[in-house]
């Protein structure tokens, strides 16, 4: 199953996330299919950038967003 989820980047105690399309069996920071956006929780307010065309394409093709990504999508 393909999931839309966060991939952690950044230093210790300074997280930065890529919003990616990945197989549900791959590790959190493992192999991805495509990167569709970014999330930076360290800025005030948090910065969320998502390519909506790619997001809609992958959801239409059956990708399921995780709970965290669902919450981020609702914020934009």
PDB file of N, CA and C in Angstrom:
ATOM      1  N   UNK A   1       0.834  -1.171   0.000  1.00  0.00           N
ATOM      2  CA  UNK A   1       0.000   0.000   0.000  1.00  0.00           C
ATOM      3  C   UNK A   1       0.891   1.251   0.000  1.00  0.00           C
ATOM      4  N   UNK A   2       0.481   2.245  -0.744  1.00  0.00           N
ATOM      5  CA  UNK A   2       1.239   3.485  -0.845  1.00  0.00           C
ATOM      6  C   UNK A   2       0.671   4.493   0.147  1.00  0.00           C
ATOM      7  N   UNK A   3       1.564   5.171   0.884  1.00  0.00           N
ATOM      8  CA  UNK A   3       1.141   6.149   1.885  1.00  0.00           C
ATOM      9  C   UNK A   3       1.760   7.508   1.604  1.00  0.00           C
ATOM     10  N   UNK A   4       1.049   8.533   2.021  1.00  0.00           N
ATOM     11  CA  UNK A   4       1.574   9.894   2.008  1.00  0.00           C
ATOM     12  C   UNK A   4       1.979  10.161   3.451  1.00  0.00           C
ATOM     13  N   UNK A   5       3.284  10.377   3.684  1.00  0.00           N
ATOM     14  CA  UNK A   5       3.748  10.510   5.058  1.00  0.00           C
ATOM     15  C   UNK A   5       4.928  11.474   5.149  1.00  0.00           C
ATOM     16  N   UNK A   6       5.389  11.691   6.375  1.00  0.00           N
ATOM     17  CA  UNK A   6       6.494  12.604   6.620  1.00  0.00           C
ATOM     18  C   UNK A   6       7.814  11.836   6.651  1.00  0.00           C
ATOM     19  N   UNK A   7       8.849  12.464   6.109  1.00  0.00           N
ATOM     20  CA  UNK A   7      10.207  11.933   6.169  1.00  0.00           C
ATOM     21  C   UNK A   7      11.044  12.963   6.913  1.00  0.00           C
ATOM     22  N   UNK A   8      11.628  12.583   8.043  1.00  0.00           N
ATOM     23  CA  UNK A   8      12.331  13.533   8.907  1.00  0.00           C
ATOM     24  C   UNK A   8      13.705  13.877   8.378  1.00  0.00           C
ATOM     25  N   UNK A   9      14.007  15.143   8.414  1.00  0.00           N
ATOM     26  CA  UNK A   9      15.316  15.675   8.060  1.00  0.00           C
ATOM     27  C   UNK A   9      15.711  16.628   9.178  1.00  0.00           C
ATOM     28  N   UNK A  10      16.825  17.310   9.047  1.00  0.00           N
ATOM     29  CA  UNK A  10      17.227  18.307  10.027  1.00  0.00           C
ATOM     30  C   UNK A  10      18.077  17.733  11.138  1.00  0.00           C
ATOM     31  N   UNK A  11      18.519  18.640  12.006  1.00  0.00           N
ATOM     32  CA  UNK A  11      19.386  18.261  13.117  1.00  0.00           C
ATOM     33  C   UNK A  11      18.583  17.810  14.330  1.00  0.00           C
ATOM     34  N   UNK A  12      19.301  17.342  15.321  1.00  0.00           N
ATOM     35  CA  UNK A  12      18.660  16.963  16.576  1.00  0.00           C
ATOM     36  C   UNK A  12      18.012  18.198  17.188  1.00  0.00           C
ATOM     37  N   UNK A  13      16.767  18.062  17.619  1.00  0.00           N
ATOM     38  CA  UNK A  13      15.966  19.127  18.227  1.00  0.00           C
ATOM     39  C   UNK A  13      15.658  20.283  17.270  1.00  0.00           C
ATOM     40  N   UNK A  14      15.871  20.077  15.976  1.00  0.00           N
ATOM     41  CA  UNK A  14      15.511  21.062  14.959  1.00  0.00           C
ATOM     42  C   UNK A  14      14.956  20.319  13.745  1.00  0.00           C
ATOM     43  N   UNK A  15      13.760  19.735  13.877  1.00  0.00           N
ATOM     44  CA  UNK A  15      13.242  18.895  12.806  1.00  0.00           C
ATOM     45  C   UNK A  15      12.790  19.698  11.580  1.00  0.00           C
ATOM     46  N   UNK A  16      12.854  19.048  10.442  1.00  0.00           N
ATOM     47  CA  UNK A  16      12.341  19.546   9.176  1.00  0.00           C
ATOM     48  C   UNK A  16      11.833  18.316   8.447  1.00  0.00           C
ATOM     49  N   UNK A  17      10.672  18.391   7.844  1.00  0.00           N
ATOM     50  CA  UNK A  17      10.068  17.205   7.243  1.00  0.00           C
ATOM     51  C   UNK A  17       9.790  17.411   5.762  1.00  0.00           C
ATOM     52  N   UNK A  18       9.975  16.332   4.989  1.00  0.00           N
ATOM     53  CA  UNK A  18       9.544  16.276   3.606  1.00  0.00           C
ATOM     54  C   UNK A  18       8.245  15.483   3.599  1.00  0.00           C
ATOM     55  N   UNK A  19       7.265  15.943   2.847  1.00  0.00           N
ATOM     56  CA  UNK A  19       6.027  15.192   2.672  1.00  0.00           C
ATOM     57  C   UNK A  19       6.245  14.337   1.424  1.00  0.00           C
ATOM     58  N   UNK A  20       6.205  13.018   1.610  1.00  0.00           N
ATOM     59  CA  UNK A  20       6.603  12.102   0.545  1.00  0.00           C
ATOM     60  C   UNK A  20       5.554  11.019   0.297  1.00  0.00           C
ATOM     61  N   UNK A  21       5.666  10.421  -0.883  1.00  0.00           N
ATOM     62  CA  UNK A  21       4.891   9.241  -1.243  1.00  0.00           C
ATOM     63  C   UNK A  21       5.843   8.056  -1.084  1.00  0.00           C
ATOM     64  N   UNK A  22       5.454   7.069  -0.269  1.00  0.00           N
ATOM     65  CA  UNK A  22       6.330   5.927  -0.019  1.00  0.00           C
ATOM     66  C   UNK A  22       5.498   4.670   0.199  1.00  0.00           C
ATOM     67  N   UNK A  23       6.120   3.538  -0.031  1.00  0.00           N
ATOM     68  CA  UNK A  23       5.494   2.261   0.264  1.00  0.00           C
ATOM     69  C   UNK A  23       5.373   2.141   1.778  1.00  0.00           C
ATOM     70  N   UNK A  24       4.264   1.625   2.259  1.00  0.00           N
ATOM     71  CA  UNK A  24       4.034   1.535   3.702  1.00  0.00           C
ATOM     72  C   UNK A  24       5.012   0.600   4.398  1.00  0.00           C
ATOM     73  N   UNK A  25       5.651  -0.296   3.661  1.00  0.00           N
ATOM     74  CA  UNK A  25       6.584  -1.244   4.257  1.00  0.00           C
ATOM     75  C   UNK A  25       7.994  -0.685   4.393  1.00  0.00           C
ATOM     76  N   UNK A  26       8.290   0.426   3.711  1.00  0.00           N
ATOM     77  CA  UNK A  26       9.641   0.991   3.784  1.00  0.00           C
ATOM     78  C   UNK A  26       9.813   1.780   5.070  1.00  0.00           C
ATOM     79  N   UNK A  27      11.059   1.913   5.574  1.00  0.00           N
ATOM     80  CA  UNK A  27      11.285   2.662   6.809  1.00  0.00           C
ATOM     81  C   UNK A  27      10.977   4.151   6.647  1.00  0.00           C
ATOM     82  N   UNK A  28      10.815   4.837   7.776  1.00  0.00           N
ATOM     83  CA  UNK A  28      10.425   6.250   7.770  1.00  0.00           C
ATOM     84  C   UNK A  28      11.315   7.098   6.873  1.00  0.00           C
ATOM     85  N   UNK A  29      12.611   6.944   6.983  1.00  0.00           N
ATOM     86  CA  UNK A  29      13.536   7.743   6.190  1.00  0.00           C
ATOM     87  C   UNK A  29      14.142   6.939   5.044  1.00  0.00           C
ATOM     88  N   UNK A  30      13.453   5.890   4.629  1.00  0.00           N
ATOM     89  CA  UNK A  30      13.961   5.016   3.581  1.00  0.00           C
ATOM     90  C   UNK A  30      13.595   5.490   2.187  1.00  0.00           C
ATOM     91  N   UNK A  31      13.504   4.529   1.276  1.00  0.00           N
ATOM     92  CA  UNK A  31      13.246   4.800  -0.126  1.00  0.00           C
ATOM     93  C   UNK A  31      11.866   5.434  -0.311  1.00  0.00           C
ATOM     94  N   UNK A  32      11.813   6.477  -1.148  1.00  0.00           N
ATOM     95  CA  UNK A  32      10.541   7.144  -1.432  1.00  0.00           C
ATOM     96  C   UNK A  32      10.229   7.020  -2.917  1.00  0.00           C
ATOM     97  N   UNK A  33       8.966   7.259  -3.256  1.00  0.00           N
ATOM     98  CA  UNK A  33       8.546   7.263  -4.653  1.00  0.00           C
ATOM     99  C   UNK A  33       8.633   8.679  -5.209  1.00  0.00           C
ATOM    100  N   UNK A  34       8.108   9.655  -4.438  1.00  0.00           N
ATOM    101  CA  UNK A  34       8.112  11.037  -4.887  1.00  0.00           C
ATOM    102  C   UNK A  34       7.966  11.975  -3.696  1.00  0.00           C
ATOM    103  N   UNK A  35       8.595  13.141  -3.780  1.00  0.00           N
ATOM    104  CA  UNK A  35       8.445  14.172  -2.752  1.00  0.00           C
ATOM    105  C   UNK A  35       7.432  15.188  -3.258  1.00  0.00           C
ATOM    106  N   UNK A  36       6.412  15.493  -2.430  1.00  0.00           N
ATOM    107  CA  UNK A  36       5.374  16.419  -2.886  1.00  0.00           C
ATOM    108  C   UNK A  36       5.303  17.698  -2.065  1.00  0.00           C
ATOM    109  N   UNK A  37       6.110  17.817  -1.004  1.00  0.00           N
ATOM    110  CA  UNK A  37       6.072  19.037  -0.223  1.00  0.00           C
ATOM    111  C   UNK A  37       7.007  19.009   0.962  1.00  0.00           C
ATOM    112  N   UNK A  38       6.916  20.091   1.767  1.00  0.00           N
ATOM    113  CA  UNK A  38       7.746  20.215   2.963  1.00  0.00           C
ATOM    114  C   UNK A  38       6.910  20.751   4.119  1.00  0.00           C
ATOM    115  N   UNK A  39       7.407  20.503   5.332  1.00  0.00           N
ATOM    116  CA  UNK A  39       6.778  20.997   6.556  1.00  0.00           C
ATOM    117  C   UNK A  39       7.882  21.404   7.509  1.00  0.00           C
ATOM    118  N   UNK A  40       7.861  22.668   7.949  1.00  0.00           N
ATOM    119  CA  UNK A  40       8.866  23.183   8.874  1.00  0.00           C
ATOM    120  C   UNK A  40       8.170  23.645  10.152  1.00  0.00           C
ATOM    121  N   UNK A  41       8.183  22.807  11.214  1.00  0.00           N
ATOM    122  CA  UNK A  41       7.506  23.173  12.458  1.00  0.00           C
ATOM    123  C   UNK A  41       8.277  24.190  13.299  1.00  0.00           C
ATOM    124  N   UNK A  42       9.524  24.501  12.933  1.00  0.00           N
ATOM    125  CA  UNK A  42      10.350  25.392  13.741  1.00  0.00           C
ATOM    126  C   UNK A  42      10.063  26.873  13.476  1.00  0.00           C
ATOM    127  N   UNK A  43       9.403  27.205  12.386  1.00  0.00           N
ATOM    128  CA  UNK A  43       9.076  28.603  12.109  1.00  0.00           C
ATOM    129  C   UNK A  43       7.791  28.980  12.846  1.00  0.00           C
ATOM    130  N   UNK A  44       7.555  30.247  12.997  1.00  0.00           N
ATOM    131  CA  UNK A  44       6.336  30.707  13.677  1.00  0.00           C
ATOM    132  C   UNK A  44       5.579  31.629  12.742  1.00  0.00           C
ATOM    133  N   UNK A  45       4.452  31.272  12.172  1.00  0.00           N
ATOM    134  CA  UNK A  45       3.757  29.983  12.266  1.00  0.00           C
ATOM    135  C   UNK A  45       4.454  28.914  11.417  1.00  0.00           C
ATOM    136  N   UNK A  46       4.079  27.681  11.631  1.00  0.00           N
ATOM    137  CA  UNK A  46       4.684  26.564  10.893  1.00  0.00           C
ATOM    138  C   UNK A  46       4.512  26.753   9.387  1.00  0.00           C
ATOM    139  N   UNK A  47       5.539  26.382   8.618  1.00  0.00           N
ATOM    140  CA  UNK A  47       5.504  26.520   7.169  1.00  0.00           C
ATOM    141  C   UNK A  47       5.146  25.180   6.546  1.00  0.00           C
ATOM    142  N   UNK A  48       4.064  25.174   5.753  1.00  0.00           N
ATOM    143  CA  UNK A  48       3.624  23.965   5.065  1.00  0.00           C
ATOM    144  C   UNK A  48       3.543  24.290   3.578  1.00  0.00           C
ATOM    145  N   UNK A  49       4.287  23.551   2.761  1.00  0.00           N
ATOM    146  CA  UNK A  49       4.265  23.728   1.314  1.00  0.00           C
ATOM    147  C   UNK A  49       3.958  22.381   0.689  1.00  0.00           C
ATOM    148  N   UNK A  50       2.824  22.295  -0.041  1.00  0.00           N
ATOM    149  CA  UNK A  50       2.429  21.042  -0.682  1.00  0.00           C
ATOM    150  C   UNK A  50       2.034  21.333  -2.126  1.00  0.00           C
ATOM    151  N   UNK A  51       2.518  20.517  -3.050  1.00  0.00           N
ATOM    152  CA  UNK A  51       2.104  20.606  -4.445  1.00  0.00           C
ATOM    153  C   UNK A  51       0.728  19.941  -4.541  1.00  0.00           C
ATOM    154  N   UNK A  52      -0.321  20.757  -4.658  1.00  0.00           N
ATOM    155  CA  UNK A  52      -1.689  20.233  -4.614  1.00  0.00           C
ATOM    156  C   UNK A  52      -2.018  19.343  -5.799  1.00  0.00           C
ATOM    157  N   UNK A  53      -1.430  19.624  -6.961  1.00  0.00           N
ATOM    158  CA  UNK A  53      -1.689  18.780  -8.134  1.00  0.00           C
ATOM    159  C   UNK A  53      -1.173  17.364  -7.909  1.00  0.00           C
ATOM    160  N   UNK A  54       0.057  17.255  -7.384  1.00  0.00           N
ATOM    161  CA  UNK A  54       0.614  15.922  -7.104  1.00  0.00           C
ATOM    162  C   UNK A  54      -0.160  15.231  -5.995  1.00  0.00           C
ATOM    163  N   UNK A  55      -0.577  15.986  -4.972  1.00  0.00           N
ATOM    164  CA  UNK A  55      -1.352  15.413  -3.875  1.00  0.00           C
ATOM    165  C   UNK A  55      -2.649  14.806  -4.390  1.00  0.00           C
ATOM    166  N   UNK A  56      -3.377  15.554  -5.204  1.00  0.00           N
ATOM    167  CA  UNK A  56      -4.645  15.054  -5.760  1.00  0.00           C
ATOM    168  C   UNK A  56      -4.414  13.839  -6.656  1.00  0.00           C
ATOM    169  N   UNK A  57      -3.334  13.875  -7.451  1.00  0.00           N
ATOM    170  CA  UNK A  57      -3.017  12.745  -8.342  1.00  0.00           C
ATOM    171  C   UNK A  57      -2.793  11.473  -7.539  1.00  0.00           C
ATOM    172  N   UNK A  58      -1.998  11.567  -6.461  1.00  0.00           N
ATOM    173  CA  UNK A  58      -1.686  10.371  -5.675  1.00  0.00           C
ATOM    174  C   UNK A  58      -2.887   9.881  -4.880  1.00  0.00           C
ATOM    175  N   UNK A  59      -3.697  10.790  -4.358  1.00  0.00           N
ATOM    176  CA  UNK A  59      -4.904  10.353  -3.636  1.00  0.00           C
ATOM    177  C   UNK A  59      -5.862   9.664  -4.597  1.00  0.00           C
ATOM    178  N   UNK A  60      -5.971  10.197  -5.812  1.00  0.00           N
ATOM    179  CA  UNK A  60      -6.827   9.579  -6.822  1.00  0.00           C
ATOM    180  C   UNK A  60      -6.327   8.186  -7.190  1.00  0.00           C
ATOM    181  N   UNK A  61      -5.003   7.984  -7.138  1.00  0.00           N
ATOM    182  CA  UNK A  61      -4.415   6.684  -7.454  1.00  0.00           C
ATOM    183  C   UNK A  61      -4.413   5.724  -6.273  1.00  0.00           C
ATOM    184  N   UNK A  62      -4.952   6.138  -5.118  1.00  0.00           N
ATOM    185  CA  UNK A  62      -5.115   5.218  -3.997  1.00  0.00           C
ATOM    186  C   UNK A  62      -4.158   5.398  -2.841  1.00  0.00           C
ATOM    187  N   UNK A  63      -3.341   6.440  -2.840  1.00  0.00           N
ATOM    188  CA  UNK A  63      -2.425   6.663  -1.713  1.00  0.00           C
ATOM    189  C   UNK A  63      -3.223   7.174  -0.514  1.00  0.00           C
ATOM    190  N   UNK A  64      -2.903   6.663   0.662  1.00  0.00           N
ATOM    191  CA  UNK A  64      -3.596   7.061   1.893  1.00  0.00           C
ATOM    192  C   UNK A  64      -2.684   7.940   2.733  1.00  0.00           C
ATOM    193  N   UNK A  65      -3.135   9.154   3.116  1.00  0.00           N
ATOM    194  CA  UNK A  65      -2.313   9.990   4.000  1.00  0.00           C
ATOM    195  C   UNK A  65      -2.364   9.485   5.438  1.00  0.00           C
ATOM    196  N   UNK A  66      -1.256   9.660   6.168  1.00  0.00           N
ATOM    197  CA  UNK A  66      -1.233   9.321   7.585  1.00  0.00           C
ATOM    198  C   UNK A  66      -2.043  10.373   8.348  1.00  0.00           C
ATOM    199  N   UNK A  67      -2.304  10.120   9.616  1.00  0.00           N
ATOM    200  CA  UNK A  67      -3.082  11.060  10.428  1.00  0.00           C
ATOM    201  C   UNK A  67      -2.413  12.433  10.495  1.00  0.00           C
ATOM    202  N   UNK A  68      -1.096  12.461  10.655  1.00  0.00           N
ATOM    203  CA  UNK A  68      -0.370  13.724  10.743  1.00  0.00           C
ATOM    204  C   UNK A  68      -0.466  14.496   9.438  1.00  0.00           C
ATOM    205  N   UNK A  69      -0.304  13.812   8.326  1.00  0.00           N
ATOM    206  CA  UNK A  69      -0.379  14.481   7.023  1.00  0.00           C
ATOM    207  C   UNK A  69      -1.800  14.970   6.764  1.00  0.00           C
ATOM    208  N   UNK A  70      -2.819  14.203   7.174  1.00  0.00           N
ATOM    209  CA  UNK A  70      -4.213  14.653   7.049  1.00  0.00           C
ATOM    210  C   UNK A  70      -4.412  15.971   7.774  1.00  0.00           C
ATOM    211  N   UNK A  71      -3.870  16.068   8.981  1.00  0.00           N
ATOM    212  CA  UNK A  71      -4.004  17.306   9.766  1.00  0.00           C
ATOM    213  C   UNK A  71      -3.288  18.472   9.076  1.00  0.00           C
ATOM    214  N   UNK A  72      -2.136  18.220   8.473  1.00  0.00           N
ATOM    215  CA  UNK A  72      -1.411  19.270   7.762  1.00  0.00           C
ATOM    216  C   UNK A  72      -2.175  19.724   6.514  1.00  0.00           C
ATOM    217  N   UNK A  73      -2.772  18.795   5.810  1.00  0.00           N
ATOM    218  CA  UNK A  73      -3.551  19.129   4.614  1.00  0.00           C
ATOM    219  C   UNK A  73      -4.744  20.004   4.978  1.00  0.00           C
ATOM    220  N   UNK A  74      -5.376  19.712   6.103  1.00  0.00           N
ATOM    221  CA  UNK A  74      -6.526  20.501   6.536  1.00  0.00           C
ATOM    222  C   UNK A  74      -6.139  21.920   6.928  1.00  0.00           C
ATOM    223  N   UNK A  75      -4.888  22.133   7.357  1.00  0.00           N
ATOM    224  CA  UNK A  75      -4.434  23.458   7.748  1.00  0.00           C
ATOM    225  C   UNK A  75      -4.220  24.397   6.569  1.00  0.00           C
ATOM    226  N   UNK A  76      -3.948  23.827   5.387  1.00  0.00           N
ATOM    227  CA  UNK A  76      -3.693  24.707   4.238  1.00  0.00           C
ATOM    228  C   UNK A  76      -4.938  24.955   3.423  1.00  0.00           C
TER     229      UNK A  76
END
